[in-house]
Structure formats: C-alpha cells, structure tokens
Protein backbone atom coordinates (compact mmCIF):
# COMPACT_ATOMS: atom_id res chain seq x y z
CA MET A 1 5.76 -25.50 42.81
CA PRO A 2 7.09 -28.77 43.24
CA ARG A 3 10.27 -28.47 45.24
CA ILE A 4 13.33 -29.52 44.03
CA ASN A 5 15.38 -32.43 45.37
CA LEU A 6 19.41 -31.08 46.10
CA GLU A 7 20.49 -34.07 47.98
CA LEU A 8 23.96 -34.33 45.87
CA GLU A 9 26.39 -36.31 45.89
CA PRO A 10 29.09 -35.39 48.18
CA SER A 11 31.51 -32.63 46.11
CA HIS A 12 35.17 -32.58 46.88
CA MET A 13 35.03 -29.20 46.64
CA ASP A 14 33.70 -27.16 50.64
CA LYS A 15 30.48 -24.94 49.77
CA SER A 16 32.66 -21.96 51.01
CA LEU A 17 35.33 -22.51 48.82
CA LEU A 18 32.38 -22.09 46.01
CA LYS A 19 30.91 -19.33 47.48
CA THR A 20 34.40 -17.86 47.78
CA ILE A 21 35.10 -18.29 44.44
CA ALA A 22 31.66 -16.92 42.81
CA GLN A 23 32.79 -14.10 45.23
CA ARG A 24 36.30 -13.52 43.83
CA THR A 25 35.29 -13.66 40.10
CA ILE A 26 32.19 -11.06 40.99
CA GLU A 27 35.44 -9.02 42.64
CA ILE A 28 37.72 -9.20 39.56
CA GLU A 29 35.13 -8.38 36.62
CA ALA A 30 33.71 -5.09 39.29
CA LYS A 31 37.10 -4.23 39.25
CA SER A 32 38.54 -4.64 35.32
CA ILE A 33 35.23 -2.47 34.73
CA ALA A 34 35.99 0.43 37.58
CA GLU A 35 38.91 0.51 35.46
CA MET A 36 37.42 1.52 32.24
CA THR A 37 36.36 4.80 33.21
CA THR A 38 39.81 6.02 32.29
CA PHE A 39 39.16 4.27 28.92
CA ILE A 40 36.70 6.88 28.26
CA ASN A 41 38.65 9.25 25.60
CA ASP A 42 38.35 11.63 22.52
CA ASP A 43 38.34 8.37 20.27
CA PHE A 44 35.33 7.27 22.34
CA ILE A 45 33.65 10.88 21.88
CA ASN A 46 34.31 10.89 18.67
CA ALA A 47 32.68 7.30 17.63
CA VAL A 48 29.82 8.62 19.12
CA GLU A 49 29.16 11.57 17.42
CA LEU A 50 30.12 9.85 13.98
CA ILE A 51 27.78 7.01 14.88
CA GLY A 52 25.30 9.78 16.05
CA LYS A 53 25.61 11.92 12.64
CA THR A 54 26.07 8.80 10.12
CA THR A 55 23.40 8.47 7.20
CA GLY A 56 24.43 5.04 7.61
CA ARG A 57 24.42 2.11 9.87
CA LEU A 58 27.04 0.48 12.50
CA ILE A 59 27.09 -2.81 11.53
CA VAL A 60 28.95 -4.51 14.47
CA SER A 61 31.82 -7.57 13.94
CA GLY A 62 33.27 -10.40 15.83
CA ILE A 63 34.85 -13.77 16.27
CA GLY A 64 34.20 -16.13 18.74
CA LYS A 65 32.80 -14.82 22.41
CA SER A 66 33.37 -11.43 20.65
CA ALA A 67 31.11 -12.26 18.11
CA ILE A 68 28.44 -12.77 20.62
CA VAL A 69 28.88 -10.03 21.92
CA ALA A 70 28.49 -8.06 19.02
CA GLN A 71 25.17 -8.84 18.82
CA LYS A 72 24.01 -8.35 22.11
CA ILE A 73 25.47 -4.40 21.46
CA VAL A 74 23.38 -4.47 17.83
CA ALA A 75 20.48 -5.59 19.65
CA THR A 76 20.76 -3.01 22.50
CA LEU A 77 21.71 -0.12 19.54
CA ASN A 78 18.35 -1.16 17.37
CA SER A 79 16.31 -1.26 20.53
CA THR A 80 17.86 2.25 21.39
CA GLY A 81 17.39 3.89 18.03
CA THR A 82 20.87 3.42 16.40
CA ALA A 83 20.02 1.55 13.09
CA SER A 84 22.61 -1.74 13.17
CA ILE A 85 23.56 -4.34 12.00
CA PHE A 86 25.54 -7.88 12.93
CA MET A 87 28.44 -9.28 10.47
CA HIS A 88 30.58 -12.62 11.76
CA ALA A 89 33.41 -12.00 11.31
CA ALA A 90 34.70 -14.94 9.29
CA ASP A 91 30.90 -15.29 7.42
CA ALA A 92 32.14 -11.29 6.32
CA ILE A 93 35.23 -12.57 4.06
CA HIS A 94 33.10 -15.50 2.08
CA GLY A 95 30.28 -13.02 1.17
CA ASP A 96 29.27 -10.65 4.04
CA LEU A 97 30.96 -8.38 3.39
CA GLY A 98 28.60 -6.95 0.92
CA MET A 99 25.97 -5.93 3.29
CA ILE A 100 28.57 -2.78 4.51
CA GLN A 101 27.17 0.54 2.24
CA PRO A 102 29.23 3.34 1.71
CA ASN A 103 27.66 5.50 4.73
CA ASP A 104 28.30 2.49 7.16
CA ILE A 105 30.47 2.56 9.82
CA VAL A 106 32.08 -0.50 10.90
CA LEU A 107 32.98 -1.73 14.68
CA VAL A 108 34.95 -4.80 14.89
CA ILE A 109 35.54 -5.96 18.65
CA SER A 110 38.34 -8.27 19.66
CA LYS A 111 39.94 -8.91 22.88
CA SER A 112 43.51 -9.40 21.14
CA GLY A 113 42.85 -7.62 17.88
CA ASP A 114 45.35 -10.23 16.14
CA SER A 115 43.27 -13.40 14.57
CA SER A 116 43.38 -14.55 11.65
CA GLU A 117 39.68 -13.52 10.79
CA ILE A 118 40.73 -10.14 11.90
CA LYS A 119 43.57 -9.66 10.15
CA VAL A 120 41.90 -10.53 6.71
CA LEU A 121 38.78 -8.73 7.54
CA VAL A 122 40.46 -5.31 8.80
CA PRO A 123 42.42 -4.20 5.49
CA LEU A 124 39.49 -5.28 3.33
CA ILE A 125 36.74 -2.48 5.13
CA ASN A 126 39.87 0.18 4.69
CA ASN A 127 39.54 -0.95 1.30
CA PHE A 128 36.13 0.11 1.15
CA GLY A 129 36.93 3.38 2.77
CA ASN A 130 34.40 3.16 5.41
CA ILE A 131 35.06 4.49 8.97
CA LEU A 132 36.43 1.78 11.02
CA ILE A 133 36.24 1.45 14.90
CA GLY A 134 38.33 -1.19 16.57
CA MET A 135 37.19 -2.48 20.44
CA VAL A 136 39.65 -4.36 21.26
CA GLY A 137 42.20 -5.58 24.71
CA ASN A 138 45.28 -5.36 23.04
CA LEU A 139 46.37 -1.52 21.92
CA GLU A 140 49.33 -2.85 20.17
CA SER A 141 47.34 -5.36 17.83
CA PHE A 142 46.84 -5.27 14.20
CA LEU A 143 42.89 -4.25 14.93
CA ALA A 144 44.29 -1.18 16.79
CA LEU A 145 46.86 -0.21 14.85
CA ASN A 146 44.80 -0.39 11.60
CA SER A 147 41.63 1.09 12.86
CA THR A 148 40.24 4.99 12.54
CA LEU A 149 39.37 4.91 16.29
CA VAL A 150 40.03 2.53 19.48
CA LEU A 151 37.79 1.23 21.90
CA ASN A 152 39.88 0.20 24.87
CA THR A 153 38.77 -2.64 26.64
CA THR A 154 41.68 -3.60 28.12
CA VAL A 155 41.63 -6.08 31.17
CA GLN A 156 44.34 -6.70 33.70
CA GLN A 157 43.24 -10.43 34.52
CA GLU A 158 40.58 -12.96 33.44
CA ALA A 159 38.08 -14.34 36.22
CA CYS A 160 39.11 -17.70 34.92
CA PRO A 161 41.61 -19.51 37.18
CA ASN A 162 43.90 -19.91 34.01
CA ASN A 163 43.04 -16.46 32.71
CA LEU A 164 41.99 -17.50 29.79
CA ALA A 165 38.80 -17.70 29.20
CA PRO A 166 37.14 -14.60 28.17
CA THR A 167 35.23 -13.50 30.85
CA SER A 168 36.57 -10.05 32.68
CA SER A 169 37.55 -9.21 28.76
CA THR A 170 33.55 -9.83 27.52
CA THR A 171 32.25 -7.80 30.41
CA ALA A 172 33.92 -5.05 29.37
CA GLN A 173 33.31 -5.06 25.83
CA MET A 174 29.42 -5.51 26.87
CA VAL A 175 29.79 -2.36 29.05
CA MET A 176 31.91 -0.36 26.38
CA GLY A 177 29.23 -1.51 24.10
CA ASP A 178 26.31 -0.17 26.57
CA ALA A 179 28.04 3.17 27.84
CA LEU A 180 27.85 3.66 23.25
CA ALA A 181 24.78 2.79 22.87
CA VAL A 182 23.65 5.35 26.13
CA CYS A 183 25.66 8.23 24.84
CA LEU A 184 24.04 7.44 21.47
CA MET A 185 20.53 7.46 23.41
CA GLU A 186 20.95 10.95 24.94
CA MET A 187 22.42 12.88 21.75
CA LYS A 188 19.93 11.58 19.77
CA GLY A 189 17.07 12.46 22.66
CA PHE A 190 15.53 9.03 22.47
CA LYS A 191 12.80 9.14 25.22
CA SER A 192 10.44 6.52 26.44
CA ASN A 193 8.01 6.56 23.97
CA ASP A 194 10.50 6.56 21.14
CA PHE A 195 11.29 3.06 23.53
CA ALA A 196 7.76 2.14 23.57
CA LYS A 197 7.66 1.91 19.18
CA TYR A 198 10.73 -0.52 19.58
CA HIS A 199 9.05 -2.58 22.17
CA PRO A 200 5.51 -3.19 21.31
CA GLY A 201 5.30 -6.52 22.50
CA GLY A 202 6.72 -6.47 25.52
CA ILE A 203 5.59 -5.95 29.07
CA LEU A 204 8.46 -2.44 29.44
CA GLY A 205 6.74 -1.16 25.55
CA LYS A 206 3.09 -2.09 27.14
CA LYS A 207 3.44 0.29 30.33
CA LEU A 208 4.74 2.96 27.57
CA TYR A 209 1.84 2.97 24.90
CA LEU A 210 -1.16 0.15 25.83
CA ARG A 211 -4.46 2.69 26.37
CA VAL A 212 -7.43 2.02 28.78
CA ALA A 213 -9.35 1.75 25.34
CA ASP A 214 -7.27 -1.33 24.38
CA LEU A 215 -8.53 -3.36 27.53
CA ALA A 216 -11.73 -1.82 27.49
CA ASN A 217 -12.84 -2.68 24.03
CA LYS A 218 -12.63 -6.29 24.54
CA ASN A 219 -14.62 -6.31 27.61
CA GLU A 220 -18.52 -6.23 27.52
CA LYS A 221 -20.38 -2.87 28.30
CA PRO A 222 -23.10 -3.51 31.02
CA ALA A 223 -25.41 -0.80 31.26
CA VAL A 224 -29.03 -0.20 32.83
CA LEU A 225 -31.27 3.49 33.29
CA LEU A 226 -32.02 4.80 36.84
CA THR A 227 -35.41 3.31 36.63
CA ALA A 228 -34.48 0.05 36.21
CA THR A 229 -35.82 -2.78 38.44
CA ILE A 230 -33.43 -4.84 40.61
CA LYS A 231 -34.78 -7.99 38.18
CA GLU A 232 -33.47 -6.47 35.37
CA VAL A 233 -30.14 -5.19 36.99
CA ILE A 234 -29.19 -8.39 38.05
CA VAL A 235 -30.12 -9.82 34.36
CA GLU A 236 -27.47 -7.10 32.89
CA MET A 237 -24.87 -8.09 35.30
CA THR A 238 -25.28 -11.88 34.82
CA ASN A 239 -25.14 -11.47 30.91
CA LYS A 240 -22.45 -9.43 30.21
CA ARG A 241 -19.86 -11.38 33.02
CA LEU A 242 -18.14 -8.34 34.86
CA GLY A 243 -19.96 -8.72 38.29
CA THR A 244 -21.17 -4.87 37.63
CA THR A 245 -22.81 -2.56 35.63
CA VAL A 246 -22.93 1.21 34.52
CA VAL A 247 -26.09 3.12 35.76
CA VAL A 248 -26.45 5.94 32.82
CA SER A 249 -28.65 8.73 31.72
CA ASN A 250 -30.54 8.42 28.19
CA ASP A 251 -28.08 10.41 26.78
CA ASN A 252 -25.23 7.88 27.41
CA LYS A 253 -24.22 9.90 30.87
CA VAL A 254 -22.55 7.55 33.72
CA LEU A 255 -24.17 8.49 37.02
CA GLY A 256 -23.62 5.38 39.00
CA ILE A 257 -22.14 1.99 39.47
CA ILE A 258 -23.57 -1.25 40.73
CA THR A 259 -21.39 -4.15 41.57
CA ASP A 260 -22.27 -7.43 43.13
CA GLY A 261 -21.13 -6.09 46.64
CA ASP A 262 -24.15 -3.51 46.22
CA LEU A 263 -26.31 -6.30 45.49
CA ARG A 264 -25.37 -8.37 48.72
CA ARG A 265 -25.37 -5.14 50.93
CA MET A 266 -28.95 -4.36 49.80
CA LEU A 267 -30.31 -7.98 50.61
CA GLU A 268 -28.43 -7.71 53.68
CA ARG A 269 -30.29 -4.66 54.72
CA GLU A 270 -34.01 -4.76 52.46
CA ASN A 271 -36.45 -7.65 53.35
CA ASP A 272 -38.09 -6.63 50.46
CA PHE A 273 -36.57 -4.75 47.18
CA THR A 274 -39.37 -5.67 44.93
CA ASN A 275 -40.04 -2.06 44.48
CA LEU A 276 -36.15 -1.30 44.61
CA ILE A 277 -34.93 0.41 41.09
CA ALA A 278 -31.28 1.04 40.25
CA GLU A 279 -31.31 4.56 41.55
CA ASN A 280 -32.39 2.63 44.94
CA ILE A 281 -28.66 1.15 45.14
CA MET A 282 -26.40 2.51 43.32
CA THR A 283 -22.82 3.91 43.61
CA ALA A 284 -23.04 7.38 42.60
CA ASN A 285 -20.12 9.58 40.81
CA PRO A 286 -17.89 6.27 40.62
CA GLN A 287 -14.37 6.07 39.88
CA LYS A 288 -13.78 7.13 36.15
CA ILE A 289 -10.94 7.14 33.64
CA THR A 290 -10.88 8.33 30.49
CA GLU A 291 -10.65 6.05 27.56
CA ASN A 292 -7.24 7.69 26.01
CA SER A 293 -5.61 7.45 29.35
CA LEU A 294 -2.77 5.05 29.56
CA ALA A 295 -3.42 1.48 30.98
CA THR A 296 -0.58 1.77 34.13
CA GLU A 297 -2.55 5.29 35.07
CA ALA A 298 -5.82 2.99 35.42
CA MET A 299 -3.62 0.37 37.34
CA GLN A 300 -2.43 3.28 39.85
CA ILE A 301 -6.23 4.35 40.53
CA LEU A 302 -7.52 0.53 41.09
CA GLN A 303 -4.89 -0.27 43.59
CA GLN A 304 -4.79 4.06 45.22
CA GLN A 305 -9.06 3.07 45.53
CA ASN A 306 -8.55 -0.33 46.41
CA ILE A 307 -11.40 -1.83 43.71
CA THR A 308 -11.33 -4.27 41.09
CA GLN A 309 -13.07 -2.13 38.12
CA LEU A 310 -13.11 1.66 36.67
CA VAL A 311 -15.63 2.92 34.30
CA VAL A 312 -14.00 4.46 31.16
CA GLU A 313 -15.30 7.37 29.34
CA ASP A 314 -14.93 9.40 25.81
CA ASP A 315 -15.72 12.68 26.01
CA GLY A 316 -18.02 13.01 29.39
CA LYS A 317 -20.36 9.58 27.81
CA TYR A 318 -20.25 5.73 28.95
CA PHE A 319 -17.03 4.08 26.98
CA GLY A 320 -16.88 0.52 29.04
CA ILE A 321 -15.37 -1.13 31.76
CA ILE A 322 -12.12 -1.68 32.30
CA HIS A 323 -10.86 -4.55 35.12
CA LEU A 324 -8.25 -5.34 37.27
CA HIS A 325 -8.07 -8.61 35.54
CA ASP A 326 -7.24 -6.89 32.50
CA LEU A 327 -4.54 -5.55 33.48
CA ILE A 328 -3.15 -8.41 35.30
CA GLY A 329 -3.39 -10.26 31.76
CA GLU A 330 -1.33 -7.81 29.88
CA GLY A 331 1.26 -8.11 32.93
CA ILE A 332 1.17 -4.18 33.34
CA ILE A 333 0.89 -5.48 37.34
C-alpha cells in the first residue's frame, strides 16, 4: 500500500495542543457517561419491561443529531431481537404518524426536549394512546413532562469548546440506547444463534452459522483407491486442483490422504516408484471433521495441527475437502 505524503502546511496550532484537545474531549465525554449510572432508575426498568413484553414494535423518533442516534438505536435493537422502526420527528407530522400502530411504544429522543417539532409531535402521540418514552437531557422540558416514562440523558458539559455542538449529549443518548438493547437481550434470552439469524451476511454471522459442508460442497472431491498407481494419484491431484487426494476404500471410507508434500518426499527417498501404489505413500488416519461442524471449528483444527486442509466426513463416509483458503475467503480467519 503506497504511503501518503503527510508534509502538511504549517499549522497555527501546536501538535501537542491538538493532542491535549483530543484527550480533553474524550475525558469530558467519559465523565458524562460515567455519571449516567445514577440515571438507571424505575423509569428505565419499567421501559425495558414494557418494550420487552409489548406485542407491537418500538417506534424511535428524533430531530437533528438525535434523529441520527435514533437510527443507530433502531439498528441495534433490530439486530438483537427487538422489532423497531425509525420515524423522523419532522416527517411524522407530515404523514409518517401512520406507521404507529395501537400496540406500539414510542421512544422520542431529544437533548432539549423543547424543539418545535417535539412540541407538535408529543401531543399527537399521546392522543393516539400509545405509551411515550422520552429520552431527554432536560427533565423540566416539554418532552419530559408529557412522557409516560423518562430516560435521563442529562450531561453537564458538551465536549465542544463552545458547549454547543452535540457531543457528550449524543454519546449519552447512544449509551442509553445500548443499555436498553442489552437489557432487552438478556430479558429475552437472546443467544449467539439468534444473533446469527439476523447477521447471515456478516463475518460475525458466518462464524456462528457457516458449516463445513457449505464450503466443502464448493470444492472438487479428489479420491483414489488404495491400489491406485502413482500416475493415477498425480492425475487425480492435477485434475481436481487441490494439491491433495483422499485415499478411500471401495465403500467410500477414508483410509488416508496424499498431499503434494507426500509426493515430494517420495521422490527424495525413492529411486524407482513405478511399482508403488497409493497405500505406500499415503498418510493414514488424516485429520478429519464432520460436514455439520462449524467452519470455525475447522479453522481451529487447521491452526492447531499446522495443516492447510481437512478431510470432511458424513456419517463415516468421505464427503469432501475443506481448505484453509476457503476459510480465509469467507473471512473466518
């Protein structure tokens, strides 16, 4: 990867000062988050229980930066088993309120709780009769005073030098959303297998659901009998292009394996191999794995044994080959 030229124009700000500013930003936000543990009260617990037990969905809304946080919270909740929908507060009062169903719970996020859009939206939700949860940084605000439950995300200071740009406050909202999501996961008994169902295309999901058979089925299945000649072994390995062939019995049971390394060692020690057969040069009882095993288990065996391929079996019979490159290609390593 080519290196980037970092010869920048001289800055009016000293590099050590920039480092100090960055560290101060992190310290301010970390302090704000640490103080939030005191905000986990009965309203928070009740909110978790209501969301966890509802037969409807959680509608999450906000305006400005809070709307972006709301989208992230929705994504986290959906991926961890809590059905959620994002509703922009401005769009809500122009038709999107129609997405709210009778059994839905509405979570509205706002730092001030007094923006004009929030003041229009909150009474409409209350008129629908839905439970309204306010996530807000001002407990005296319109949103806080008109919500069924309040999640407190008050911060003492924004990390912004002018104490204006949402920094600590949006971080607090994100953390409160994560606390909700994790509590709901625990409450519902959401496990790794459940997580895999919602993440089938990602690396995390693959580690949880991808089976050895899924990869072995994509490969050729090189195989020879015990009595195969060395020429037959080489031809099979060449045609199937895996650098190996499995030695099987007449009823397709695995007896051994021959790799290109075995061929090289044969050439080093034998002057005449015209009378040799597969049985003479194979490695008996090779490392094996069942076709229903997880791909991550295959990777562990390959790493522990310092080998590049595994023989795959199905009910004691030869099923195929899985190679290190297959696992690397799927991002398992």
